[in-house]
Amino acid sequence: MGVAAGPIRVVVAKPGLDGHDRGAKVIARALRDAGMEVIYTGLHQTPEQIVGTAIQEDADAIGLSILSGAHNTLFAAVIDLLKERDAEDILVFGGGIIPEADIPPLKEKGVAEIFTPGATTQSIVDWVRANVRHPAEA
């Protein structure tokens, strides 16, 4: 499969019951300002809604923002649904209040990267540019 033409397309989503979306909106704006097409799904999205949107919008990546503590369950559900829908080419990354101890298991499950508080918007933009459509060598 070749490299898609046009800007990188990223779905930014707030899964679950978490009602705090300021960080997700900041990241969505930073990605947009960097020339990417961003689809922000809004609050209280189910993993099914997020994956459905990503497939419908022909997204290259999904960025999940979770502050509620449900990251292990919700990230895994999104990854599993992408596999079920034969859409594993959509890269999943995320951020929020995620304990350091939870990051390695999330990456083993298939989450490409986790950004914790203190990550700069530029570091996230740079990571997306380097890894979406052009995966870094493992």
C-alpha atoms as a PDB file:
ATOM      1  CA  MET A   1       0.000   0.000   0.000  1.00  0.00           C
ATOM      2  CA  GLY A   2       1.442   3.357  -0.980  1.00  0.00           C
ATOM      3  CA  VAL A   3       1.601   6.582   0.932  1.00  0.00           C
ATOM      4  CA  ALA A   4      -1.700   8.457   0.857  1.00  0.00           C
ATOM      5  CA  ALA A   5      -1.783  11.851  -0.782  1.00  0.00           C
ATOM      6  CA  GLY A   6      -2.837  14.981   1.038  1.00  0.00           C
ATOM      7  CA  PRO A   7      -2.463  16.023   4.632  1.00  0.00           C
ATOM      8  CA  ILE A   8      -2.324  13.584   7.519  1.00  0.00           C
ATOM      9  CA  ARG A   9      -5.846  12.961   8.861  1.00  0.00           C
ATOM     10  CA  VAL A  10      -6.226  12.529  12.625  1.00  0.00           C
ATOM     11  CA  VAL A  11      -9.339  11.761  14.653  1.00  0.00           C
ATOM     12  CA  VAL A  12      -9.023  13.278  18.132  1.00  0.00           C
ATOM     13  CA  ALA A  13     -11.421  11.641  20.560  1.00  0.00           C
ATOM     14  CA  LYS A  14     -12.541  11.722  24.181  1.00  0.00           C
ATOM     15  CA  PRO A  15     -13.724   8.196  24.980  1.00  0.00           C
ATOM     16  CA  GLY A  16     -15.831   7.275  27.961  1.00  0.00           C
ATOM     17  CA  LEU A  17     -17.353   9.456  30.624  1.00  0.00           C
ATOM     18  CA  ASP A  18     -14.481  11.901  30.999  1.00  0.00           C
ATOM     19  CA  GLY A  19     -15.869  15.417  30.629  1.00  0.00           C
ATOM     20  CA  HIS A  20     -12.609  17.371  30.462  1.00  0.00           C
ATOM     21  CA  ASP A  21     -11.691  18.193  26.878  1.00  0.00           C
ATOM     22  CA  ARG A  22      -9.429  21.221  27.049  1.00  0.00           C
ATOM     23  CA  GLY A  23      -6.268  19.167  26.421  1.00  0.00           C
ATOM     24  CA  ALA A  24      -7.859  17.340  23.481  1.00  0.00           C
ATOM     25  CA  LYS A  25      -8.902  20.656  21.948  1.00  0.00           C
ATOM     26  CA  VAL A  26      -5.401  22.094  22.403  1.00  0.00           C
ATOM     27  CA  ILE A  27      -3.873  19.057  20.658  1.00  0.00           C
ATOM     28  CA  ALA A  28      -6.494  19.162  17.894  1.00  0.00           C
ATOM     29  CA  ARG A  29      -5.709  22.837  17.254  1.00  0.00           C
ATOM     30  CA  ALA A  30      -1.925  22.211  17.287  1.00  0.00           C
ATOM     31  CA  LEU A  31      -2.259  19.392  14.751  1.00  0.00           C
ATOM     32  CA  ARG A  32      -4.543  21.527  12.595  1.00  0.00           C
ATOM     33  CA  ASP A  33      -2.184  24.499  12.771  1.00  0.00           C
ATOM     34  CA  ALA A  34       0.615  22.138  11.668  1.00  0.00           C
ATOM     35  CA  GLY A  35      -1.306  21.425   8.453  1.00  0.00           C
ATOM     36  CA  MET A  36      -3.085  18.214   9.391  1.00  0.00           C
ATOM     37  CA  GLU A  37      -6.772  17.553   8.912  1.00  0.00           C
ATOM     38  CA  VAL A  38      -8.339  16.988  12.327  1.00  0.00           C
ATOM     39  CA  ILE A  39     -11.725  15.511  13.114  1.00  0.00           C
ATOM     40  CA  TYR A  40     -12.646  16.170  16.750  1.00  0.00           C
ATOM     41  CA  THR A  41     -15.385  13.812  17.907  1.00  0.00           C
ATOM     42  CA  GLY A  42     -16.418  15.643  21.062  1.00  0.00           C
ATOM     43  CA  LEU A  43     -17.044  14.280  24.532  1.00  0.00           C
ATOM     44  CA  HIS A  44     -18.384  10.921  25.694  1.00  0.00           C
ATOM     45  CA  GLN A  45     -17.577   8.836  22.638  1.00  0.00           C
ATOM     46  CA  THR A  46     -17.728   5.057  22.692  1.00  0.00           C
ATOM     47  CA  PRO A  47     -14.860   3.051  21.211  1.00  0.00           C
ATOM     48  CA  GLU A  48     -17.322   1.942  18.473  1.00  0.00           C
ATOM     49  CA  GLN A  49     -18.112   5.555  17.589  1.00  0.00           C
ATOM     50  CA  ILE A  50     -14.431   6.503  17.514  1.00  0.00           C
ATOM     51  CA  VAL A  51     -13.415   3.604  15.270  1.00  0.00           C
ATOM     52  CA  GLY A  52     -16.449   4.158  13.033  1.00  0.00           C
ATOM     53  CA  THR A  53     -15.531   7.829  12.615  1.00  0.00           C
ATOM     54  CA  ALA A  54     -11.886   7.005  11.874  1.00  0.00           C
ATOM     55  CA  ILE A  55     -12.858   4.510   9.178  1.00  0.00           C
ATOM     56  CA  GLN A  56     -15.538   6.752   7.679  1.00  0.00           C
ATOM     57  CA  GLU A  57     -13.170   9.737   7.616  1.00  0.00           C
ATOM     58  CA  ASP A  58     -10.295   7.673   6.176  1.00  0.00           C
ATOM     59  CA  ALA A  59      -8.117   8.724   9.102  1.00  0.00           C
ATOM     60  CA  ASP A  60      -4.443   7.925   9.333  1.00  0.00           C
ATOM     61  CA  ALA A  61      -4.421   8.069  13.127  1.00  0.00           C
ATOM     62  CA  ILE A  62      -6.576   8.266  16.232  1.00  0.00           C
ATOM     63  CA  GLY A  63      -5.487  10.419  19.154  1.00  0.00           C
ATOM     64  CA  LEU A  64      -7.241   9.511  22.403  1.00  0.00           C
ATOM     65  CA  SER A  65      -7.349  11.783  25.429  1.00  0.00           C
ATOM     66  CA  ILE A  66      -8.254  10.174  28.747  1.00  0.00           C
ATOM     67  CA  LEU A  67      -8.200  11.672  32.209  1.00  0.00           C
ATOM     68  CA  SER A  68     -10.751   9.386  33.866  1.00  0.00           C
ATOM     69  CA  GLY A  69      -8.497   6.438  34.684  1.00  0.00           C
ATOM     70  CA  ALA A  70     -10.240   4.138  32.190  1.00  0.00           C
ATOM     71  CA  HIS A  71      -7.330   4.210  29.739  1.00  0.00           C
ATOM     72  CA  ASN A  72      -6.509   0.493  29.965  1.00  0.00           C
ATOM     73  CA  THR A  73     -10.056  -0.519  29.064  1.00  0.00           C
ATOM     74  CA  LEU A  74     -10.811   2.182  26.486  1.00  0.00           C
ATOM     75  CA  PHE A  75      -7.494   2.091  24.620  1.00  0.00           C
ATOM     76  CA  ALA A  76      -7.736  -1.711  24.414  1.00  0.00           C
ATOM     77  CA  ALA A  77     -11.305  -1.518  23.109  1.00  0.00           C
ATOM     78  CA  VAL A  78     -10.293   0.882  20.314  1.00  0.00           C
ATOM     79  CA  ILE A  79      -7.319  -1.313  19.333  1.00  0.00           C
ATOM     80  CA  ASP A  80      -9.493  -4.450  19.351  1.00  0.00           C
ATOM     81  CA  LEU A  81     -12.195  -2.809  17.231  1.00  0.00           C
ATOM     82  CA  LEU A  82      -9.634  -1.622  14.680  1.00  0.00           C
ATOM     83  CA  LYS A  83      -8.429  -5.226  14.379  1.00  0.00           C
ATOM     84  CA  GLU A  84     -11.998  -6.522  14.040  1.00  0.00           C
ATOM     85  CA  ARG A  85     -12.755  -3.955  11.329  1.00  0.00           C
ATOM     86  CA  ASP A  86      -9.511  -4.733   9.439  1.00  0.00           C
ATOM     87  CA  ALA A  87      -8.300  -1.178  10.065  1.00  0.00           C
ATOM     88  CA  GLU A  88      -5.048  -1.840  11.897  1.00  0.00           C
ATOM     89  CA  ASP A  89      -3.296   0.614   9.579  1.00  0.00           C
ATOM     90  CA  ILE A  90      -4.868   3.435  11.624  1.00  0.00           C
ATOM     91  CA  LEU A  91      -2.247   4.364  14.212  1.00  0.00           C
ATOM     92  CA  VAL A  92      -3.457   4.946  17.787  1.00  0.00           C
ATOM     93  CA  PHE A  93      -1.734   7.346  20.163  1.00  0.00           C
ATOM     94  CA  GLY A  94      -2.954   9.019  23.278  1.00  0.00           C
ATOM     95  CA  GLY A  95      -2.408  11.108  26.293  1.00  0.00           C
ATOM     96  CA  GLY A  96      -3.769  12.244  29.575  1.00  0.00           C
ATOM     97  CA  ILE A  97      -3.378  11.214  33.170  1.00  0.00           C
ATOM     98  CA  ILE A  98      -1.793   7.822  32.604  1.00  0.00           C
ATOM     99  CA  PRO A  99       0.530   6.301  35.215  1.00  0.00           C
ATOM    100  CA  GLU A 100       4.013   5.431  33.974  1.00  0.00           C
ATOM    101  CA  ALA A 101       3.449   1.788  34.982  1.00  0.00           C
ATOM    102  CA  ASP A 102       0.494   1.533  32.587  1.00  0.00           C
ATOM    103  CA  ILE A 103       2.385   2.764  29.520  1.00  0.00           C
ATOM    104  CA  PRO A 104       4.365  -0.418  28.641  1.00  0.00           C
ATOM    105  CA  PRO A 105       1.236  -2.658  28.691  1.00  0.00           C
ATOM    106  CA  LEU A 106      -0.643  -0.130  26.548  1.00  0.00           C
ATOM    107  CA  LYS A 107       2.201  -0.129  24.010  1.00  0.00           C
ATOM    108  CA  GLU A 108       2.275  -3.938  24.045  1.00  0.00           C
ATOM    109  CA  LYS A 109      -1.445  -3.888  23.248  1.00  0.00           C
ATOM    110  CA  GLY A 110      -0.766  -1.724  20.192  1.00  0.00           C
ATOM    111  CA  VAL A 111      -0.895   1.917  21.287  1.00  0.00           C
ATOM    112  CA  ALA A 112       1.907   3.580  19.346  1.00  0.00           C
ATOM    113  CA  GLU A 113       2.713   6.358  21.827  1.00  0.00           C
ATOM    114  CA  ILE A 114       1.501   7.883  25.079  1.00  0.00           C
ATOM    115  CA  PHE A 115       1.960  11.552  25.962  1.00  0.00           C
ATOM    116  CA  THR A 116       1.719  12.442  29.621  1.00  0.00           C
ATOM    117  CA  PRO A 117       1.231  15.855  31.239  1.00  0.00           C
ATOM    118  CA  GLY A 118       4.094  18.143  30.346  1.00  0.00           C
ATOM    119  CA  ALA A 119       4.427  16.932  26.757  1.00  0.00           C
ATOM    120  CA  THR A 120       4.603  19.921  24.452  1.00  0.00           C
ATOM    121  CA  THR A 121       2.259  20.362  21.537  1.00  0.00           C
ATOM    122  CA  GLN A 122       5.329  20.599  19.293  1.00  0.00           C
ATOM    123  CA  SER A 123       6.616  17.216  20.496  1.00  0.00           C
ATOM    124  CA  ILE A 124       3.226  15.677  19.667  1.00  0.00           C
ATOM    125  CA  VAL A 125       3.118  17.320  16.225  1.00  0.00           C
ATOM    126  CA  ASP A 126       6.679  16.156  15.542  1.00  0.00           C
ATOM    127  CA  TRP A 127       5.860  12.605  16.640  1.00  0.00           C
ATOM    128  CA  VAL A 128       2.754  12.436  14.439  1.00  0.00           C
ATOM    129  CA  ARG A 129       4.707  13.737  11.443  1.00  0.00           C
ATOM    130  CA  ALA A 130       7.482  11.192  12.024  1.00  0.00           C
ATOM    131  CA  ASN A 131       5.279   8.176  12.686  1.00  0.00           C
ATOM    132  CA  VAL A 132       2.006   8.515  10.822  1.00  0.00           C
ATOM    133  CA  ARG A 133       2.300   7.173   7.264  1.00  0.00           C
ATOM    134  CA  HIS A 134       6.069   6.882   7.837  1.00  0.00           C
ATOM    135  CA  PRO A 135       6.468   4.515  10.800  1.00  0.00           C
ATOM    136  CA  ALA A 136       9.805   4.828  12.531  1.00  0.00           C
ATOM    137  CA  GLU A 137      12.005   1.764  12.452  1.00  0.00           C
ATOM    138  CA  ALA A 138      11.384  -0.401  15.504  1.00  0.00           C
END
